[in-house]
C-alpha atoms as a PDB file:
ATOM      1  CA  GLU A   1     -17.836  -8.334  -6.079  1.00  0.00           C
ATOM      2  CA  VAL A   2     -16.213  -6.555  -8.930  1.00  0.00           C
ATOM      3  CA  GLU A   3     -17.669  -4.782 -11.410  1.00  0.00           C
ATOM      4  CA  ARG A   4     -16.271  -5.023 -15.239  1.00  0.00           C
ATOM      5  CA  GLY A   5     -14.320  -1.569 -15.128  1.00  0.00           C
ATOM      6  CA  GLN A   6     -13.321  -1.546 -12.091  1.00  0.00           C
ATOM      7  CA  VAL A   7      -9.751  -2.381 -12.446  1.00  0.00           C
ATOM      8  CA  PRO A   8      -7.250   0.833 -12.067  1.00  0.00           C
ATOM      9  CA  VAL A   9      -5.789   1.437 -15.741  1.00  0.00           C
ATOM     10  CA  HIS A  10      -2.023   1.633 -13.816  1.00  0.00           C
ATOM     11  CA  GLN A  11      -0.634   3.324 -10.940  1.00  0.00           C
ATOM     12  CA  GLY A  12       2.949   4.687  -9.453  1.00  0.00           C
ATOM     13  CA  GLY A  13       3.730   5.688  -5.899  1.00  0.00           C
ATOM     14  CA  ILE A  14       6.391   5.875  -3.628  1.00  0.00           C
ATOM     15  CA  GLN A  15       6.697   4.992   0.234  1.00  0.00           C
ATOM     16  CA  ARG A  16       9.296   6.058   2.600  1.00  0.00           C
ATOM     17  CA  ARG A  17      10.011   3.801   5.825  1.00  0.00           C
ATOM     18  CA  ALA A  18      11.289   5.105   9.229  1.00  0.00           C
ATOM     19  CA  PRO A  19      12.953   2.296  11.605  1.00  0.00           C
ATOM     20  CA  SER A  20      11.633   3.048  15.209  1.00  0.00           C
ATOM     21  CA  PRO A  21      14.271   2.069  17.574  1.00  0.00           C
ATOM     22  CA  LEU A  22      11.692   3.507  20.371  1.00  0.00           C
ATOM     23  CA  LEU A  23       8.911   0.906  19.711  1.00  0.00           C
ATOM     24  CA  SER A  24      11.293  -1.616  18.633  1.00  0.00           C
ATOM     25  CA  ARG A  25      14.142  -1.638  21.093  1.00  0.00           C
ATOM     26  CA  GLY A  26      12.987   0.337  23.879  1.00  0.00           C
ATOM     27  CA  LEU A  27       9.200  -0.924  24.524  1.00  0.00           C
ATOM     28  CA  LEU A  28       9.171  -4.212  22.793  1.00  0.00           C
ATOM     29  CA  GLY A  29      12.906  -4.821  23.900  1.00  0.00           C
ATOM     30  CA  MET A  30      13.932  -6.178  19.915  1.00  0.00           C
ATOM     31  CA  ASN A  31      17.605  -6.790  19.247  1.00  0.00           C
ATOM     32  CA  ALA A  32      17.078  -4.904  16.089  1.00  0.00           C
ATOM     33  CA  ASP A  33      14.749  -2.184  14.680  1.00  0.00           C
ATOM     34  CA  ASP A  34      12.236  -4.324  13.074  1.00  0.00           C
ATOM     35  CA  ILE A  35       9.104  -1.920  13.830  1.00  0.00           C
ATOM     36  CA  GLY A  36       8.843   1.150  11.719  1.00  0.00           C
ATOM     37  CA  ALA A  37       6.905   3.685  10.482  1.00  0.00           C
ATOM     38  CA  PHE A  38       5.883   4.257   6.883  1.00  0.00           C
ATOM     39  CA  LEU A  39       3.783   6.747   4.443  1.00  0.00           C
ATOM     40  CA  GLU A  40       2.513   5.767   1.133  1.00  0.00           C
ATOM     41  CA  ILE A  41       1.290   7.769  -1.901  1.00  0.00           C
ATOM     42  CA  THR A  42      -0.104   5.762  -4.433  1.00  0.00           C
ATOM     43  CA  VAL A  43      -1.506   7.443  -7.727  1.00  0.00           C
ATOM     44  CA  SER A  44      -3.482   6.097 -10.562  1.00  0.00           C
ATOM     45  CA  SER A  45      -6.551   6.260 -12.346  1.00  0.00           C
ATOM     46  CA  ILE A  46      -9.876   4.320 -13.493  1.00  0.00           C
ATOM     47  CA  ASP A  47     -12.051   4.094 -16.444  1.00  0.00           C
ATOM     48  CA  ARG A  48     -15.747   2.651 -15.619  1.00  0.00           C
ATOM     49  CA  ASP A  49     -17.174   0.753 -18.515  1.00  0.00           C
ATOM     50  CA  LEU A  50     -20.667  -0.376 -16.911  1.00  0.00           C
ATOM     51  CA  ASP A  51     -23.898  -1.407 -18.963  1.00  0.00           C
ATOM     52  CA  VAL A  52     -25.425   1.882 -17.445  1.00  0.00           C
ATOM     53  CA  PRO A  53     -24.522   5.366 -18.424  1.00  0.00           C
ATOM     54  CA  LEU A  54     -22.402   7.137 -15.815  1.00  0.00           C
ATOM     55  CA  ARG A  55     -22.113  11.237 -15.520  1.00  0.00           C
ATOM     56  CA  GLU A  56     -18.233  10.764 -14.477  1.00  0.00           C
ATOM     57  CA  PRO A  57     -17.342   7.213 -15.649  1.00  0.00           C
ATOM     58  CA  LYS A  58     -13.130   8.167 -15.453  1.00  0.00           C
ATOM     59  CA  GLY A  59     -10.838   9.965 -12.763  1.00  0.00           C
ATOM     60  CA  THR A  60      -7.539  10.127 -10.934  1.00  0.00           C
ATOM     61  CA  LEU A  61      -7.016   8.038  -7.808  1.00  0.00           C
ATOM     62  CA  LEU A  62      -5.015   9.573  -5.006  1.00  0.00           C
ATOM     63  CA  PHE A  63      -4.014   7.056  -2.014  1.00  0.00           C
ATOM     64  CA  VAL A  64      -2.226   7.926   1.121  1.00  0.00           C
ATOM     65  CA  THR A  65      -1.478   5.255   3.516  1.00  0.00           C
ATOM     66  CA  GLY A  66       0.299   5.695   6.931  1.00  0.00           C
ATOM     67  CA  GLY A  67       0.970   2.996   9.213  1.00  0.00           C
ATOM     68  CA  LEU A  68       3.719   0.396  11.023  1.00  0.00           C
ATOM     69  CA  ASP A  69       5.565  -2.141   9.657  1.00  0.00           C
ATOM     70  CA  TRP A  70       6.929  -5.299  11.056  1.00  0.00           C
ATOM     71  CA  THR A  71       9.955  -6.826   9.645  1.00  0.00           C
ATOM     72  CA  LEU A  72       9.432 -10.473   9.936  1.00  0.00           C
ATOM     73  CA  HIS A  73      12.758 -11.642   8.674  1.00  0.00           C
ATOM     74  CA  ARG A  74      15.830 -10.207   6.732  1.00  0.00           C
ATOM     75  CA  ASP A  75      19.131 -11.116   6.148  1.00  0.00           C
ATOM     76  CA  GLU A  76      21.414 -11.094   3.116  1.00  0.00           C
ATOM     77  CA  THR A  77      18.839 -12.063   0.434  1.00  0.00           C
ATOM     78  CA  PHE A  78      15.340 -11.874   1.510  1.00  0.00           C
ATOM     79  CA  LEU A  79      12.913  -9.631   3.328  1.00  0.00           C
ATOM     80  CA  ALA A  80       9.674  -9.954   4.557  1.00  0.00           C
ATOM     81  CA  ALA A  81       7.377  -7.461   6.489  1.00  0.00           C
ATOM     82  CA  ALA A  82       3.916  -7.126   7.621  1.00  0.00           C
ATOM     83  CA  GLN A  83       2.174  -4.145   7.588  1.00  0.00           C
ATOM     84  CA  LEU A  84      -1.097  -2.244   9.148  1.00  0.00           C
ATOM     85  CA  GLY A  85      -2.470   1.247   8.266  1.00  0.00           C
ATOM     86  CA  LEU A  86      -4.718   3.364   7.446  1.00  0.00           C
ATOM     87  CA  GLN A  87      -5.361   4.977   4.100  1.00  0.00           C
ATOM     88  CA  TYR A  88      -7.220   7.744   2.776  1.00  0.00           C
ATOM     89  CA  GLY A  89      -8.762   7.610  -1.001  1.00  0.00           C
ATOM     90  CA  HIS A  90      -9.881   9.930  -3.384  1.00  0.00           C
ATOM     91  CA  PHE A  91     -12.081   8.651  -6.239  1.00  0.00           C
ATOM     92  CA  GLY A  92     -11.377  11.859  -8.300  1.00  0.00           C
ATOM     93  CA  GLY A  93     -15.139  12.470  -8.670  1.00  0.00           C
ATOM     94  CA  VAL A  94     -16.042   8.989 -10.491  1.00  0.00           C
ATOM     95  CA  THR A  95     -20.183   8.336 -10.304  1.00  0.00           C
ATOM     96  CA  ASP A  96     -20.726   6.499  -7.233  1.00  0.00           C
ATOM     97  CA  THR A  97     -17.292   6.295  -5.254  1.00  0.00           C
ATOM     98  CA  ASP A  98     -16.944   7.828  -2.372  1.00  0.00           C
ATOM     99  CA  ASP A  99     -13.460   9.354  -0.808  1.00  0.00           C
ATOM    100  CA  GLY A 100     -13.021   8.292   2.974  1.00  0.00           C
ATOM    101  CA  ILE A 101     -10.290   6.199   4.705  1.00  0.00           C
ATOM    102  CA  ALA A 102     -10.170   1.905   5.119  1.00  0.00           C
ATOM    103  CA  LEU A 103      -7.957   0.000   7.112  1.00  0.00           C
ATOM    104  CA  MET A 104      -4.760  -1.492   5.366  1.00  0.00           C
ATOM    105  CA  ILE A 105      -3.212  -4.728   5.429  1.00  0.00           C
ATOM    106  CA  GLY A 106      -0.343  -5.553   3.424  1.00  0.00           C
ATOM    107  CA  PHE A 107       2.816  -8.132   3.132  1.00  0.00           C
ATOM    108  CA  VAL A 108       6.402  -7.310   1.624  1.00  0.00           C
ATOM    109  CA  GLY A 109       8.516  -9.591   0.144  1.00  0.00           C
ATOM    110  CA  GLY A 110      12.205  -9.013  -1.362  1.00  0.00           C
ATOM    111  CA  ILE A 111      15.006 -10.178  -2.963  1.00  0.00           C
ATOM    112  CA  GLN A 112      18.079  -8.100  -2.377  1.00  0.00           C
ATOM    113  CA  VAL A 113      19.887  -7.576  -6.380  1.00  0.00           C
ATOM    114  CA  ALA A 114      22.245  -4.731  -4.687  1.00  0.00           C
ATOM    115  CA  ASP A 115      23.442  -4.008  -1.337  1.00  0.00           C
ATOM    116  CA  GLY A 116      20.964  -2.091  -0.308  1.00  0.00           C
ATOM    117  CA  CYS A 117      18.828  -2.319  -3.046  1.00  0.00           C
ATOM    118  CA  TRP A 118      15.889  -5.008  -2.972  1.00  0.00           C
ATOM    119  CA  VAL A 119      12.912  -5.674  -5.819  1.00  0.00           C
ATOM    120  CA  THR A 120       9.739  -5.998  -3.754  1.00  0.00           C
ATOM    121  CA  LEU A 121       6.556  -7.685  -4.162  1.00  0.00           C
ATOM    122  CA  THR A 122       3.707  -5.764  -2.266  1.00  0.00           C
ATOM    123  CA  PRO A 123       0.311  -7.460  -2.233  1.00  0.00           C
ATOM    124  CA  GLN A 124      -1.810  -4.833  -0.129  1.00  0.00           C
ATOM    125  CA  ALA A 125      -5.537  -5.020   1.007  1.00  0.00           C
ATOM    126  CA  SER A 126      -7.680  -2.011   1.599  1.00  0.00           C
ATOM    127  CA  ILE A 127     -10.834  -2.827   3.869  1.00  0.00           C
ATOM    128  CA  ALA A 128     -13.521   0.055   4.190  1.00  0.00           C
ATOM    129  CA  ASP A 129     -16.809   0.129   5.522  1.00  0.00           C
ATOM    130  CA  ALA A 130     -20.015  -1.765   4.163  1.00  0.00           C
ATOM    131  CA  GLY A 131     -17.633  -4.346   2.531  1.00  0.00           C
ATOM    132  CA  ASP A 132     -15.913  -2.543   0.207  1.00  0.00           C
ATOM    133  CA  ASN A 133     -12.442  -3.397  -0.275  1.00  0.00           C
ATOM    134  CA  ILE A 134      -9.482  -2.340  -3.100  1.00  0.00           C
ATOM    135  CA  PHE A 135      -6.476  -4.630  -3.339  1.00  0.00           C
ATOM    136  CA  PHE A 136      -2.895  -3.520  -4.874  1.00  0.00           C
ATOM    137  CA  LEU A 137       0.370  -5.044  -5.843  1.00  0.00           C
ATOM    138  CA  HIS A 138       2.958  -3.187  -5.974  1.00  0.00           C
ATOM    139  CA  LEU A 139       6.236  -4.235  -7.597  1.00  0.00           C
ATOM    140  CA  GLY A 140       9.011  -1.786  -6.391  1.00  0.00           C
ATOM    141  CA  LEU A 141      12.305  -0.929  -5.748  1.00  0.00           C
ATOM    142  CA  GLN A 142      13.474  -0.287  -2.086  1.00  0.00           C
ATOM    143  CA  ILE A 143      16.704   1.272  -1.807  1.00  0.00           C
ATOM    144  CA  SER A 144      18.161   1.320   2.252  1.00  0.00           C
ATOM    145  CA  PHE A 145      20.578   4.420   2.896  1.00  0.00           C
END
């Protein structure tokens, strides 16, 4: 259940992915480096507008996520990948929030707009203890080197 005012006002972030030939080709026998490791940092803010007054209703949010992804499909036009990782969330001291670690699952869908350049849409869900969940929807630009 999402309470009024708990939706982040804005967010920005950066992600780095490294393909893993050891996992993809060596361990799993794939023909391409479809398994990779990623590290993602997301910064956002929150301003809780609840019916009861809070000691600290505003704060800066920081999420650091690391995990593995699996490229399900990639050709000259489309990209699809699944993500699984752990996410640490820091809630900037906002009243009634707890910093901690959550399981993160996600999906990356992308369309190539230039050689090595993709516009991506990435829905992610972070599942923490006691049924607390956070949902992200990243619109991004992925550049391959």
